[in-house]
N, C-alpha and C. Protein backbone atom coordinates (compact mmCIF):
# COMPACT_ATOMS: atom_id res chain seq x y z
N UNK A 1 -16.15 -8.92 26.41
CA UNK A 1 -16.41 -7.49 25.49
C UNK A 1 -16.45 -7.71 24.06
N UNK A 2 -17.65 -7.32 23.79
CA UNK A 2 -18.14 -7.12 22.40
C UNK A 2 -17.37 -5.86 21.35
N UNK A 3 -16.61 -6.35 20.64
CA UNK A 3 -15.96 -5.21 19.89
C UNK A 3 -16.82 -5.11 18.45
N UNK A 4 -17.62 -4.10 18.26
CA UNK A 4 -18.22 -3.62 17.04
C UNK A 4 -17.37 -2.98 16.37
N UNK A 5 -16.89 -3.45 15.22
CA UNK A 5 -15.68 -2.79 14.32
C UNK A 5 -16.33 -2.24 13.02
N UNK A 6 -17.54 -2.08 12.84
CA UNK A 6 -18.39 -2.01 11.51
C UNK A 6 -17.81 -0.61 10.71
N UNK A 7 -16.91 0.32 11.59
CA UNK A 7 -16.61 1.33 10.83
C UNK A 7 -15.07 1.30 10.52
N UNK A 8 -14.39 0.19 11.19
CA UNK A 8 -12.89 0.04 10.99
C UNK A 8 -12.23 0.36 9.62
N UNK A 9 -13.09 -0.12 8.79
CA UNK A 9 -12.35 -0.15 7.16
C UNK A 9 -12.64 1.26 6.67
N UNK A 10 -13.47 2.31 7.39
CA UNK A 10 -13.79 3.42 6.84
C UNK A 10 -12.75 4.35 7.63
N UNK A 11 -11.65 4.66 7.41
CA UNK A 11 -10.62 5.38 7.82
C UNK A 11 -10.07 6.33 6.55
N UNK A 12 -10.03 7.59 6.89
CA UNK A 12 -9.65 8.50 5.89
C UNK A 12 -8.43 9.15 6.27
N UNK A 13 -8.16 9.35 7.51
CA UNK A 13 -6.71 10.18 7.94
C UNK A 13 -6.11 9.28 8.99
N UNK A 14 -4.97 9.44 9.19
CA UNK A 14 -4.22 8.90 10.26
C UNK A 14 -3.81 7.47 10.12
N UNK A 15 -3.13 6.80 10.98
CA UNK A 15 -2.67 5.45 10.94
C UNK A 15 -3.81 4.68 10.99
N UNK A 16 -3.63 3.51 10.44
CA UNK A 16 -4.49 2.25 10.84
C UNK A 16 -4.82 1.97 12.10
N UNK A 17 -5.95 1.76 12.87
CA UNK A 17 -5.84 1.40 14.09
C UNK A 17 -6.22 -0.31 14.20
N UNK A 18 -5.49 -0.92 15.22
CA UNK A 18 -5.51 -2.19 15.11
C UNK A 18 -6.91 -2.43 16.01
N UNK A 19 -7.79 -3.63 15.55
CA UNK A 19 -8.93 -3.96 16.55
C UNK A 19 -8.44 -4.36 17.93
N UNK A 20 -9.39 -4.36 18.83
CA UNK A 20 -8.86 -4.64 20.36
C UNK A 20 -8.63 -6.15 20.22
N UNK A 21 -9.55 -7.01 19.13
CA UNK A 21 -9.39 -8.52 19.22
C UNK A 21 -7.93 -8.74 18.90
N UNK A 22 -7.00 -7.98 18.10
CA UNK A 22 -5.80 -8.38 17.81
C UNK A 22 -4.73 -8.30 19.14
N UNK A 23 -5.31 -7.79 20.15
CA UNK A 23 -4.45 -7.52 21.27
C UNK A 23 -5.24 -8.56 22.37
N UNK A 24 -6.12 -9.26 22.00
CA UNK A 24 -6.61 -9.96 23.16
C UNK A 24 -5.79 -11.34 23.18
N UNK A 25 -5.30 -11.52 24.29
CA UNK A 25 -4.41 -12.97 24.59
C UNK A 25 -5.23 -13.96 25.43
N UNK A 26 -6.33 -13.44 26.07
CA UNK A 26 -7.30 -14.37 27.05
C UNK A 26 -8.46 -14.64 26.20
N UNK A 27 -8.72 -14.54 25.07
CA UNK A 27 -9.94 -14.73 24.54
C UNK A 27 -11.13 -14.00 25.31
N UNK A 28 -11.21 -12.92 25.54
CA UNK A 28 -12.04 -11.99 26.30
C UNK A 28 -13.06 -11.28 25.43
N UNK A 29 -12.41 -10.99 24.02
CA UNK A 29 -13.09 -10.07 23.24
C UNK A 29 -13.98 -10.96 22.13
N UNK A 30 -14.96 -10.56 21.81
CA UNK A 30 -16.07 -11.04 20.67
C UNK A 30 -15.74 -10.00 19.63
N UNK A 31 -15.18 -9.97 18.48
CA UNK A 31 -15.19 -9.35 17.35
C UNK A 31 -16.46 -9.44 16.41
N UNK A 32 -16.90 -8.21 16.00
CA UNK A 32 -18.14 -8.18 15.31
C UNK A 32 -17.64 -7.30 14.03
N UNK A 33 -18.13 -7.54 12.85
CA UNK A 33 -17.87 -6.69 11.85
C UNK A 33 -19.19 -7.17 10.61
N UNK A 34 -19.14 -6.36 9.56
CA UNK A 34 -20.17 -6.39 8.71
C UNK A 34 -19.81 -5.84 7.28
N UNK A 35 -20.29 -6.37 6.22
CA UNK A 35 -20.22 -5.77 4.99
C UNK A 35 -21.26 -4.34 4.77
N UNK A 36 -22.11 -4.38 5.60
CA UNK A 36 -23.11 -3.46 5.32
C UNK A 36 -22.75 -1.96 5.22
N UNK A 37 -21.67 -1.61 5.91
CA UNK A 37 -21.30 -0.32 5.86
C UNK A 37 -20.37 0.07 4.66
N UNK A 38 -19.61 -1.02 4.09
CA UNK A 38 -18.86 -0.72 2.87
C UNK A 38 -19.41 -0.86 1.67
N UNK A 39 -20.76 -1.12 1.45
CA UNK A 39 -21.36 -1.13 0.31
C UNK A 39 -22.28 -2.23 0.00
N UNK A 40 -22.94 -2.73 0.78
CA UNK A 40 -23.73 -4.07 0.90
C UNK A 40 -24.69 -4.10 1.87
N UNK A 41 -25.40 -3.26 2.20
CA UNK A 41 -26.62 -2.96 3.28
C UNK A 41 -27.73 -3.76 3.23
N UNK A 42 -27.81 -4.44 2.03
CA UNK A 42 -28.94 -5.05 1.63
C UNK A 42 -28.87 -6.40 1.81
N UNK A 43 -27.59 -7.12 1.95
CA UNK A 43 -26.95 -8.58 2.00
C UNK A 43 -27.14 -9.07 3.42
N UNK A 44 -27.00 -8.08 4.05
CA UNK A 44 -27.21 -8.27 5.79
C UNK A 44 -26.16 -9.48 6.16
N UNK A 45 -24.98 -9.27 5.74
CA UNK A 45 -23.76 -10.07 5.72
C UNK A 45 -22.68 -9.70 6.77
N UNK A 46 -22.40 -10.44 7.68
CA UNK A 46 -21.24 -10.10 8.80
C UNK A 46 -20.56 -11.31 9.06
N UNK A 47 -19.53 -11.02 10.13
CA UNK A 47 -18.70 -12.10 10.58
C UNK A 47 -18.29 -11.90 11.98
N UNK A 48 -18.33 -12.88 12.69
CA UNK A 48 -17.84 -12.87 14.42
C UNK A 48 -16.48 -13.63 14.29
N UNK A 49 -15.32 -13.18 15.12
CA UNK A 49 -14.15 -13.82 15.64
C UNK A 49 -14.18 -13.92 16.89
N UNK A 50 -14.25 -15.28 17.45
CA UNK A 50 -14.47 -15.51 18.84
C UNK A 50 -13.91 -16.96 19.13
N UNK A 51 -13.78 -17.17 20.29
CA UNK A 51 -13.54 -18.47 20.79
C UNK A 51 -14.51 -19.51 20.06
N UNK A 52 -14.00 -21.11 19.94
CA UNK A 52 -15.03 -21.92 19.47
C UNK A 52 -16.22 -22.18 20.39
N UNK A 53 -15.98 -21.96 21.53
CA UNK A 53 -17.25 -22.30 22.59
C UNK A 53 -18.17 -21.00 22.35
N UNK A 54 -17.69 -19.95 22.14
CA UNK A 54 -18.68 -18.77 21.91
C UNK A 54 -19.31 -18.85 20.77
N UNK A 55 -18.54 -19.17 19.55
CA UNK A 55 -19.06 -19.35 18.29
C UNK A 55 -20.44 -20.60 17.96
N UNK A 56 -19.83 -21.78 18.82
CA UNK A 56 -21.05 -22.72 18.68
C UNK A 56 -22.22 -22.04 19.55
N UNK A 57 -22.20 -21.34 20.65
CA UNK A 57 -23.40 -20.80 21.37
C UNK A 57 -24.16 -20.00 20.33
N UNK A 58 -23.12 -19.02 19.78
CA UNK A 58 -23.87 -18.09 18.88
C UNK A 58 -24.64 -18.68 17.70
N UNK A 59 -23.92 -19.73 17.18
CA UNK A 59 -24.60 -20.48 15.99
C UNK A 59 -25.83 -21.01 16.21
N UNK A 60 -25.76 -21.72 17.48
CA UNK A 60 -27.00 -22.51 18.05
C UNK A 60 -28.23 -21.33 18.16
N UNK A 61 -27.79 -19.98 18.63
CA UNK A 61 -28.77 -18.91 18.95
C UNK A 61 -29.56 -18.60 17.74
N UNK A 62 -28.40 -18.57 16.59
CA UNK A 62 -28.98 -17.74 15.41
C UNK A 62 -29.92 -18.75 14.60
N UNK A 63 -29.45 -20.18 14.75
CA UNK A 63 -30.38 -20.98 14.13
C UNK A 63 -31.66 -20.98 14.72
N UNK A 64 -32.10 -20.93 15.64
CA UNK A 64 -33.16 -20.73 16.67
C UNK A 64 -34.11 -19.28 16.02
N UNK A 65 -33.11 -18.37 15.63
CA UNK A 65 -33.78 -17.25 15.12
C UNK A 65 -34.25 -17.18 13.55
N UNK A 66 -33.20 -17.57 13.12
CA UNK A 66 -33.63 -17.47 11.32
C UNK A 66 -32.89 -18.49 10.62
N UNK A 67 -32.54 -19.73 11.12
CA UNK A 67 -31.76 -20.93 10.63
C UNK A 67 -30.52 -20.28 9.91
N UNK A 68 -30.19 -19.38 8.91
CA UNK A 68 -28.84 -19.00 8.62
C UNK A 68 -28.97 -17.79 7.77
N UNK A 69 -27.84 -17.34 7.48
CA UNK A 69 -27.69 -15.98 6.90
C UNK A 69 -27.69 -16.57 5.29
N UNK A 70 -28.22 -15.22 4.55
CA UNK A 70 -28.50 -15.27 2.95
C UNK A 70 -27.27 -15.85 2.45
N UNK A 71 -27.45 -17.16 1.89
CA UNK A 71 -26.29 -18.10 1.31
C UNK A 71 -26.06 -17.55 0.15
N UNK A 72 -26.98 -17.06 -0.89
CA UNK A 72 -26.51 -16.47 -2.17
C UNK A 72 -25.58 -15.08 -1.82
N UNK A 73 -25.97 -14.12 -1.00
CA UNK A 73 -25.26 -13.17 -0.88
C UNK A 73 -23.81 -13.59 -0.22
N UNK A 74 -23.90 -14.54 0.65
CA UNK A 74 -22.33 -14.92 0.84
C UNK A 74 -21.54 -15.47 -0.07
N UNK A 75 -22.23 -16.02 -1.22
CA UNK A 75 -21.50 -16.38 -2.03
C UNK A 75 -21.07 -15.64 -3.12
N UNK A 76 -21.63 -14.42 -3.24
CA UNK A 76 -21.40 -13.44 -4.12
C UNK A 76 -20.30 -12.64 -3.53
N UNK A 77 -20.35 -12.35 -2.25
CA UNK A 77 -19.12 -11.82 -1.58
C UNK A 77 -17.97 -12.44 -1.32
N UNK A 78 -18.02 -13.59 -1.52
CA UNK A 78 -16.82 -14.63 -1.65
C UNK A 78 -16.29 -14.46 -3.04
N UNK A 79 -16.95 -14.37 -4.07
CA UNK A 79 -16.52 -14.25 -5.34
C UNK A 79 -15.91 -12.85 -5.55
N UNK A 80 -16.44 -11.69 -5.13
CA UNK A 80 -15.92 -10.44 -5.07
C UNK A 80 -14.78 -10.36 -4.53
N UNK A 81 -14.64 -11.00 -3.48
CA UNK A 81 -13.41 -10.91 -2.42
C UNK A 81 -12.12 -11.75 -3.23
N UNK A 82 -12.67 -12.98 -3.84
CA UNK A 82 -11.46 -13.62 -4.37
C UNK A 82 -10.84 -12.64 -5.58
N UNK A 83 -11.87 -12.19 -6.43
CA UNK A 83 -11.49 -11.52 -7.50
C UNK A 83 -10.97 -9.90 -7.09
N UNK A 84 -10.70 -9.43 -6.18
CA UNK A 84 -10.38 -8.14 -5.79
C UNK A 84 -11.04 -7.14 -5.93
N UNK A 85 -12.54 -7.23 -6.08
CA UNK A 85 -13.55 -6.16 -6.38
C UNK A 85 -13.88 -5.58 -4.99
N UNK A 86 -13.87 -6.33 -3.70
CA UNK A 86 -14.00 -5.81 -2.47
C UNK A 86 -13.11 -4.72 -2.37
N UNK A 87 -11.81 -4.98 -2.31
CA UNK A 87 -10.84 -3.91 -2.20
C UNK A 87 -10.87 -2.62 -3.08
N UNK A 88 -11.23 -2.84 -4.18
CA UNK A 88 -11.45 -1.72 -5.10
C UNK A 88 -12.82 -0.83 -4.66
N UNK A 89 -14.01 -1.62 -4.26
CA UNK A 89 -14.91 -1.06 -3.82
C UNK A 89 -14.58 -0.13 -2.56
N UNK A 90 -13.88 -0.68 -1.46
CA UNK A 90 -13.67 -0.25 -0.35
C UNK A 90 -12.73 1.23 -0.59
N UNK A 91 -11.69 1.11 -1.57
CA UNK A 91 -10.96 2.24 -1.94
C UNK A 91 -11.84 3.13 -2.36
N UNK A 92 -12.79 2.98 -3.33
CA UNK A 92 -13.69 4.16 -3.94
C UNK A 92 -14.94 4.53 -2.81
N UNK A 93 -15.08 3.61 -1.96
CA UNK A 93 -16.05 4.06 -0.96
C UNK A 93 -15.37 5.11 0.10
N UNK A 94 -14.17 4.80 0.40
CA UNK A 94 -13.36 5.59 1.33
C UNK A 94 -13.34 6.92 0.79
N UNK A 95 -12.94 7.00 -0.71
CA UNK A 95 -12.68 8.47 -1.32
C UNK A 95 -13.94 9.01 -1.38
N UNK A 96 -15.02 8.58 -1.71
CA UNK A 96 -16.38 9.15 -1.71
C UNK A 96 -16.87 9.71 -0.32
N UNK A 97 -16.53 8.77 0.62
CA UNK A 97 -16.92 9.24 2.02
C UNK A 97 -16.11 10.78 2.50
N UNK A 98 -14.99 10.56 2.43
CA UNK A 98 -13.93 11.47 2.65
C UNK A 98 -14.21 12.78 1.99
N UNK A 99 -14.74 12.62 0.75
CA UNK A 99 -15.13 13.74 0.01
C UNK A 99 -16.42 14.56 0.93
N UNK A 100 -17.34 13.69 1.15
CA UNK A 100 -18.62 14.12 1.64
C UNK A 100 -18.46 14.61 3.20
N UNK A 101 -17.47 14.06 3.72
CA UNK A 101 -17.07 14.73 5.18
C UNK A 101 -16.60 16.17 4.88
N UNK A 102 -15.89 16.25 3.79
CA UNK A 102 -15.07 17.63 3.43
C UNK A 102 -16.16 18.56 3.14
N UNK A 103 -17.50 18.00 2.32
CA UNK A 103 -18.58 19.01 2.19
C UNK A 103 -19.32 19.27 3.45
N UNK A 104 -19.59 18.46 4.16
CA UNK A 104 -20.22 18.68 5.55
C UNK A 104 -19.31 19.68 6.35
N UNK A 105 -18.02 19.58 6.32
CA UNK A 105 -17.07 20.49 7.32
C UNK A 105 -17.16 21.94 6.61
N UNK A 106 -16.94 21.93 5.29
CA UNK A 106 -17.03 23.39 4.72
C UNK A 106 -18.47 23.99 4.74
N UNK A 107 -19.48 23.26 4.77
CA UNK A 107 -20.80 23.97 4.97
C UNK A 107 -21.01 24.29 6.51
N UNK A 108 -20.46 23.75 7.40
CA UNK A 108 -20.61 23.96 8.92
C UNK A 108 -19.53 24.95 9.43
N UNK A 109 -18.51 25.04 8.65
CA UNK A 109 -17.69 26.17 9.09
C UNK A 109 -18.20 27.45 8.49
N UNK A 110 -19.04 27.41 7.27
CA UNK A 110 -19.44 28.67 6.60
C UNK A 110 -20.82 28.82 7.63
N UNK A 111 -21.64 28.20 7.87
CA UNK A 111 -22.98 28.40 8.28
C UNK A 111 -23.10 28.13 9.78
N UNK A 112 -22.38 27.39 10.42
CA UNK A 112 -22.69 27.10 12.00
C UNK A 112 -22.28 28.13 12.56
N UNK A 113 -22.73 28.67 13.87
CA UNK A 113 -22.03 29.63 14.64
C UNK A 113 -21.02 29.27 15.52
N UNK A 114 -20.01 30.00 16.05
CA UNK A 114 -18.93 29.49 16.71
C UNK A 114 -19.06 28.71 17.83
N UNK A 115 -20.23 29.14 18.69
CA UNK A 115 -20.49 28.24 19.80
C UNK A 115 -20.63 26.73 19.45
N UNK A 116 -21.17 26.47 18.33
CA UNK A 116 -21.30 25.08 17.93
C UNK A 116 -19.86 24.39 17.75
N UNK A 117 -19.61 23.53 18.32
CA UNK A 117 -18.10 23.12 18.54
C UNK A 117 -18.44 21.52 17.52
N UNK A 118 -17.91 21.53 16.33
CA UNK A 118 -17.82 20.25 15.58
C UNK A 118 -16.72 19.34 15.83
N UNK A 119 -16.97 18.25 16.06
CA UNK A 119 -15.86 17.06 16.01
C UNK A 119 -15.85 16.28 14.87
N UNK A 120 -15.05 16.32 13.96
CA UNK A 120 -15.02 15.53 12.52
C UNK A 120 -14.11 14.43 12.65
N UNK A 121 -14.58 13.19 12.51
CA UNK A 121 -13.75 11.89 12.49
C UNK A 121 -12.74 11.85 11.68
N UNK A 122 -11.94 10.79 11.91
CA UNK A 122 -10.92 10.39 11.00
C UNK A 122 -11.31 9.18 10.20
N UNK A 123 -12.40 8.77 10.54
CA UNK A 123 -13.25 7.75 9.68
C UNK A 123 -14.51 7.49 10.25
N UNK A 124 -15.34 6.76 9.69
CA UNK A 124 -16.80 6.41 9.83
C UNK A 124 -17.63 7.20 8.93
N UNK A 125 -18.77 7.44 9.50
CA UNK A 125 -20.05 7.94 8.48
C UNK A 125 -20.63 9.26 9.28
N UNK A 126 -20.14 9.91 10.37
CA UNK A 126 -20.74 10.79 11.17
C UNK A 126 -19.91 11.66 11.90
N UNK A 127 -20.49 12.95 11.96
CA UNK A 127 -19.72 13.94 12.83
C UNK A 127 -20.54 14.38 13.99
N UNK A 128 -19.93 14.85 15.02
CA UNK A 128 -20.42 15.18 16.30
C UNK A 128 -20.55 16.67 16.62
N UNK A 129 -21.63 17.20 17.31
CA UNK A 129 -21.85 18.70 17.18
C UNK A 129 -22.18 18.87 18.69
N UNK A 130 -21.26 19.72 19.57
CA UNK A 130 -21.78 20.15 20.82
C UNK A 130 -21.99 21.47 20.95
N UNK A 131 -23.35 21.65 21.54
CA UNK A 131 -23.71 23.07 21.59
C UNK A 131 -23.71 23.44 23.11
N UNK A 132 -23.65 25.13 23.33
CA UNK A 132 -23.60 25.35 24.64
C UNK A 132 -24.69 24.93 25.45
N UNK A 133 -24.38 24.84 26.96
CA UNK A 133 -25.24 24.48 27.88
C UNK A 133 -26.79 25.04 27.85
N UNK A 134 -27.68 24.53 27.93
CA UNK A 134 -28.87 25.11 28.09
C UNK A 134 -29.52 24.96 26.95
N UNK A 135 -29.00 24.46 25.81
CA UNK A 135 -29.51 24.00 24.38
C UNK A 135 -30.05 22.67 24.51
N UNK A 136 -31.13 22.20 24.16
CA UNK A 136 -31.57 20.97 24.00
C UNK A 136 -31.54 20.38 22.53
N UNK A 137 -30.81 19.33 22.15
CA UNK A 137 -30.64 19.09 20.75
C UNK A 137 -32.06 18.50 20.20
N UNK A 138 -33.00 17.65 21.26
CA UNK A 138 -34.11 17.10 20.91
C UNK A 138 -35.09 18.48 20.40
N UNK A 139 -35.17 19.40 21.02
CA UNK A 139 -35.90 20.47 20.89
C UNK A 139 -35.80 21.14 19.44
N UNK A 140 -34.32 21.28 19.18
CA UNK A 140 -33.76 21.71 17.86
C UNK A 140 -34.19 20.65 16.57
N UNK A 141 -34.21 19.36 17.08
CA UNK A 141 -34.65 18.36 15.98
C UNK A 141 -36.13 18.63 15.48
N UNK A 142 -37.09 19.08 16.60
CA UNK A 142 -38.56 19.28 16.30
C UNK A 142 -38.76 20.29 15.36
N UNK A 143 -37.90 21.48 15.26
CA UNK A 143 -37.75 22.70 14.41
C UNK A 143 -37.00 22.08 13.28
N UNK A 144 -36.23 21.39 13.25
CA UNK A 144 -35.54 20.98 11.91
C UNK A 144 -36.42 20.07 11.00
N UNK A 145 -37.11 18.98 11.69
CA UNK A 145 -38.00 18.40 10.94
C UNK A 145 -39.06 18.99 10.14
N UNK A 146 -39.48 20.03 10.75
CA UNK A 146 -40.29 20.86 10.31
C UNK A 146 -39.69 21.60 9.02
N UNK A 147 -38.54 21.64 8.80
CA UNK A 147 -37.99 22.25 7.46
C UNK A 147 -37.03 21.02 6.95
N UNK A 148 -37.59 19.80 7.13
CA UNK A 148 -36.95 18.57 6.28
C UNK A 148 -35.86 18.24 6.58
N UNK A 149 -35.20 18.53 7.82
CA UNK A 149 -33.74 18.09 8.09
C UNK A 149 -33.92 17.06 9.42
N UNK A 150 -33.15 15.94 9.46
CA UNK A 150 -33.47 15.04 10.60
C UNK A 150 -31.85 14.80 11.03
N UNK A 151 -31.68 14.65 12.10
CA UNK A 151 -30.37 14.30 12.83
C UNK A 151 -30.76 13.18 14.09
N UNK A 152 -29.65 12.94 14.73
CA UNK A 152 -29.86 12.19 15.94
C UNK A 152 -29.30 13.03 17.14
N UNK A 153 -30.13 13.26 18.37
CA UNK A 153 -29.70 13.83 19.34
C UNK A 153 -29.23 13.05 20.19
N UNK A 154 -28.21 13.67 21.06
CA UNK A 154 -27.12 12.84 21.94
C UNK A 154 -27.85 12.18 22.76
N UNK A 155 -29.04 12.43 23.31
CA UNK A 155 -29.52 11.50 24.44
C UNK A 155 -29.71 9.86 23.83
N UNK A 156 -29.89 9.77 22.64
CA UNK A 156 -29.99 8.61 22.04
C UNK A 156 -28.69 7.62 22.40
N UNK A 157 -27.74 8.27 22.65
CA UNK A 157 -26.42 7.43 22.55
C UNK A 157 -26.01 7.20 24.10
N UNK A 158 -26.84 7.41 25.09
CA UNK A 158 -26.52 7.09 26.44
C UNK A 158 -27.42 6.10 27.16
N UNK A 159 -26.84 5.34 28.04
CA UNK A 159 -27.71 4.45 28.66
C UNK A 159 -28.11 5.19 29.99
N UNK A 160 -27.45 5.81 30.52
CA UNK A 160 -27.77 6.78 31.77
C UNK A 160 -27.21 8.17 31.58
N UNK A 161 -27.96 9.01 32.33
CA UNK A 161 -27.34 10.34 32.61
C UNK A 161 -26.94 10.97 31.18
N UNK A 162 -27.88 11.08 30.42
CA UNK A 162 -27.69 11.37 28.89
C UNK A 162 -27.27 13.22 28.87
N UNK A 163 -26.56 13.34 27.82
CA UNK A 163 -26.13 14.69 27.49
C UNK A 163 -27.34 15.04 26.39
N UNK A 164 -27.76 16.30 26.72
CA UNK A 164 -28.73 16.74 25.54
C UNK A 164 -28.45 17.64 24.99
N UNK A 165 -27.24 18.42 25.03
CA UNK A 165 -26.77 19.66 24.05
C UNK A 165 -25.73 19.41 22.99
N UNK A 166 -26.12 18.16 22.36
CA UNK A 166 -25.27 17.96 21.31
C UNK A 166 -25.94 16.85 20.17
N UNK A 167 -25.44 16.57 19.03
CA UNK A 167 -26.11 15.65 18.28
C UNK A 167 -25.17 15.38 17.20
N UNK A 168 -25.76 14.06 16.52
CA UNK A 168 -24.84 13.32 15.42
C UNK A 168 -25.23 13.80 14.17
N UNK A 169 -24.24 14.07 13.05
CA UNK A 169 -24.77 14.47 11.88
C UNK A 169 -24.02 13.16 10.83
N UNK A 170 -24.73 12.39 10.17
CA UNK A 170 -24.34 11.55 9.27
C UNK A 170 -24.28 12.03 7.72
N UNK A 171 -23.20 11.76 7.07
CA UNK A 171 -22.86 12.58 5.72
C UNK A 171 -22.85 11.60 4.62
N UNK A 172 -22.92 10.18 4.46
CA UNK A 172 -22.59 9.50 3.68
C UNK A 172 -23.69 9.07 2.72
N UNK A 173 -25.10 9.34 3.24
CA UNK A 173 -26.19 9.02 2.32
C UNK A 173 -26.73 9.81 1.55
N UNK A 174 -26.15 11.14 1.63
CA UNK A 174 -26.82 12.31 0.73
C UNK A 174 -25.80 12.75 -0.21
N UNK A 175 -26.73 13.44 -1.49
CA UNK A 175 -25.67 14.15 -2.50
C UNK A 175 -25.27 15.47 -1.77
N UNK A 176 -24.25 15.88 -2.42
CA UNK A 176 -23.50 17.16 -1.74
C UNK A 176 -24.43 18.22 -1.63
N UNK A 177 -25.36 18.42 -2.59
CA UNK A 177 -26.41 19.85 -2.43
C UNK A 177 -27.22 19.45 -1.28
N UNK A 178 -27.60 18.26 -0.91
CA UNK A 178 -28.61 17.93 0.22
C UNK A 178 -27.74 18.24 1.51
N UNK A 179 -26.37 17.85 1.62
CA UNK A 179 -25.74 18.19 2.77
C UNK A 179 -25.65 19.54 3.01
N UNK A 180 -25.29 20.34 1.91
CA UNK A 180 -25.28 21.66 2.09
C UNK A 180 -26.50 22.26 2.67
N UNK A 181 -27.50 22.02 1.90
CA UNK A 181 -28.98 22.55 2.18
C UNK A 181 -29.11 22.27 3.63
N UNK A 182 -29.02 21.09 4.24
CA UNK A 182 -29.37 20.61 5.42
C UNK A 182 -28.59 21.34 6.50
N UNK A 183 -27.11 21.65 6.23
CA UNK A 183 -26.33 22.26 7.17
C UNK A 183 -26.61 23.62 7.31
N UNK A 184 -26.82 24.05 6.14
CA UNK A 184 -27.30 25.83 6.11
C UNK A 184 -28.85 25.87 7.12
N UNK A 185 -29.70 25.13 6.65
CA UNK A 185 -30.83 25.14 7.64
C UNK A 185 -30.55 25.16 9.14
N UNK A 186 -29.68 24.02 9.51
CA UNK A 186 -29.40 23.78 10.65
C UNK A 186 -28.50 25.14 11.47
N UNK A 187 -27.81 25.56 10.52
CA UNK A 187 -27.02 26.96 11.10
C UNK A 187 -27.84 27.80 11.33
N UNK A 188 -28.97 28.17 10.46
CA UNK A 188 -30.30 29.37 10.92
C UNK A 188 -30.71 28.89 12.08
N UNK A 189 -31.23 27.78 12.30
CA UNK A 189 -32.09 27.30 13.66
C UNK A 189 -31.15 27.27 14.68
N UNK A 190 -29.77 26.82 14.75
CA UNK A 190 -28.84 27.20 15.75
C UNK A 190 -28.71 28.51 16.07
N UNK A 191 -28.40 29.49 14.98
CA UNK A 191 -28.28 30.80 15.43
C UNK A 191 -29.49 31.43 16.23
N UNK A 192 -30.57 31.09 15.80
CA UNK A 192 -31.97 31.40 16.45
C UNK A 192 -32.13 30.83 17.95
N UNK A 193 -31.79 29.83 17.83
CA UNK A 193 -31.63 29.15 19.18
C UNK A 193 -30.71 29.79 20.25
N UNK A 194 -29.56 30.11 19.75
CA UNK A 194 -28.63 30.84 20.57
C UNK A 194 -28.93 32.11 20.91
N UNK A 195 -29.66 32.69 20.11
CA UNK A 195 -30.20 34.32 20.63
C UNK A 195 -31.19 34.19 21.70
N UNK A 196 -31.95 33.17 21.38
CA UNK A 196 -33.15 33.08 22.40
C UNK A 196 -32.50 32.44 23.61
N UNK A 197 -31.78 31.54 23.77
CA UNK A 197 -30.93 31.17 24.95
C UNK A 197 -30.18 32.32 25.45
N UNK A 198 -29.41 33.08 24.88
CA UNK A 198 -28.80 34.11 25.47
C UNK A 198 -29.69 35.13 26.23
N UNK A 199 -30.89 35.47 25.45
CA UNK A 199 -31.74 36.38 26.13
C UNK A 199 -32.03 35.77 27.37
N UNK A 200 -32.41 34.65 27.22
CA UNK A 200 -33.14 33.89 28.54
C UNK A 200 -32.30 33.94 29.49
N UNK A 201 -30.80 33.57 29.29
CA UNK A 201 -29.82 33.76 30.65
C UNK A 201 -29.70 35.12 30.93
N UNK A 202 -29.75 36.13 30.13
CA UNK A 202 -29.42 37.40 30.72
C UNK A 202 -30.60 37.95 31.58
N UNK A 203 -32.08 37.42 31.12
CA UNK A 203 -33.09 37.70 31.83
C UNK A 203 -33.04 37.02 33.42
N UNK A 204 -32.71 35.83 33.10
CA UNK A 204 -32.67 35.08 34.48
C UNK A 204 -31.57 35.44 35.40
N UNK A 205 -30.54 36.02 34.88
CA UNK A 205 -29.29 36.61 35.70
C UNK A 205 -29.88 37.76 36.24
N UNK A 206 -30.41 38.65 35.50
CA UNK A 206 -30.97 39.88 36.07
C UNK A 206 -31.96 39.88 37.22
N UNK A 207 -32.78 38.77 37.02
CA UNK A 207 -33.79 38.61 38.22
C UNK A 207 -33.41 38.28 39.46
N UNK A 208 -31.97 37.32 39.50
CA UNK A 208 -31.62 36.78 40.44
C UNK A 208 -30.27 37.51 40.95
N UNK A 209 -30.18 38.63 40.26
CA UNK A 209 -29.27 39.63 40.89
C UNK A 209 -27.93 38.73 40.95
N UNK A 210 -27.62 38.52 40.60
CA UNK A 210 -26.12 37.87 40.58
C UNK A 210 -25.05 38.33 39.53
N UNK A 211 -24.95 28.06 28.72
CA UNK A 211 -24.10 28.51 27.93
C UNK A 211 -23.87 27.56 27.72
N UNK A 212 -25.80 20.70 13.74
CA UNK A 212 -25.91 20.01 12.97
C UNK A 212 -24.90 19.37 13.00
N UNK A 213 -27.66 13.34 10.25
CA UNK A 213 -27.13 13.37 10.72
C UNK A 213 -26.59 12.70 11.35
């Protein structure tokens, strides 16, 4: 099992959750982490915790791919860690991202229709929005792009039988006013889509005589 814990350090609420690797007594978990999400995306430096046999095989594969990871970047991170700067950066990053999550949440509560159910995380970098059945987030994305807003439709996150009526909203990379503007535009598009969807269902039902990257 591969455990990708790149968001584990970005927790804003609730108790800290232990990684699966800490519960692994049989050596079945390959633990993956990175410095990219906590402030150093350009360095491309991460780490793996696994059995010696797995590490040796991964090391050989990496050497065939690109010889080695950025040595200067690793040296810089080591110095920052020894000096306590990484801990300070992580605390500042958590505070900033928690604030931006609050901005997203406030804007969504103000502008999204009640039928759009938002799931706000206790950590990480994105929120999840569930739409009523019959709405396609990919179709909504086309209209949103025309107005300068981009998000990730839910179908991108499935291997089989994808869900189409949901999408992911990331909140960490944008200034507050752009988050608010994007959510406002999405709210307008969602309300228009739901009005159209409601009219379509009523027309279909009558004919048959017989629900914001």
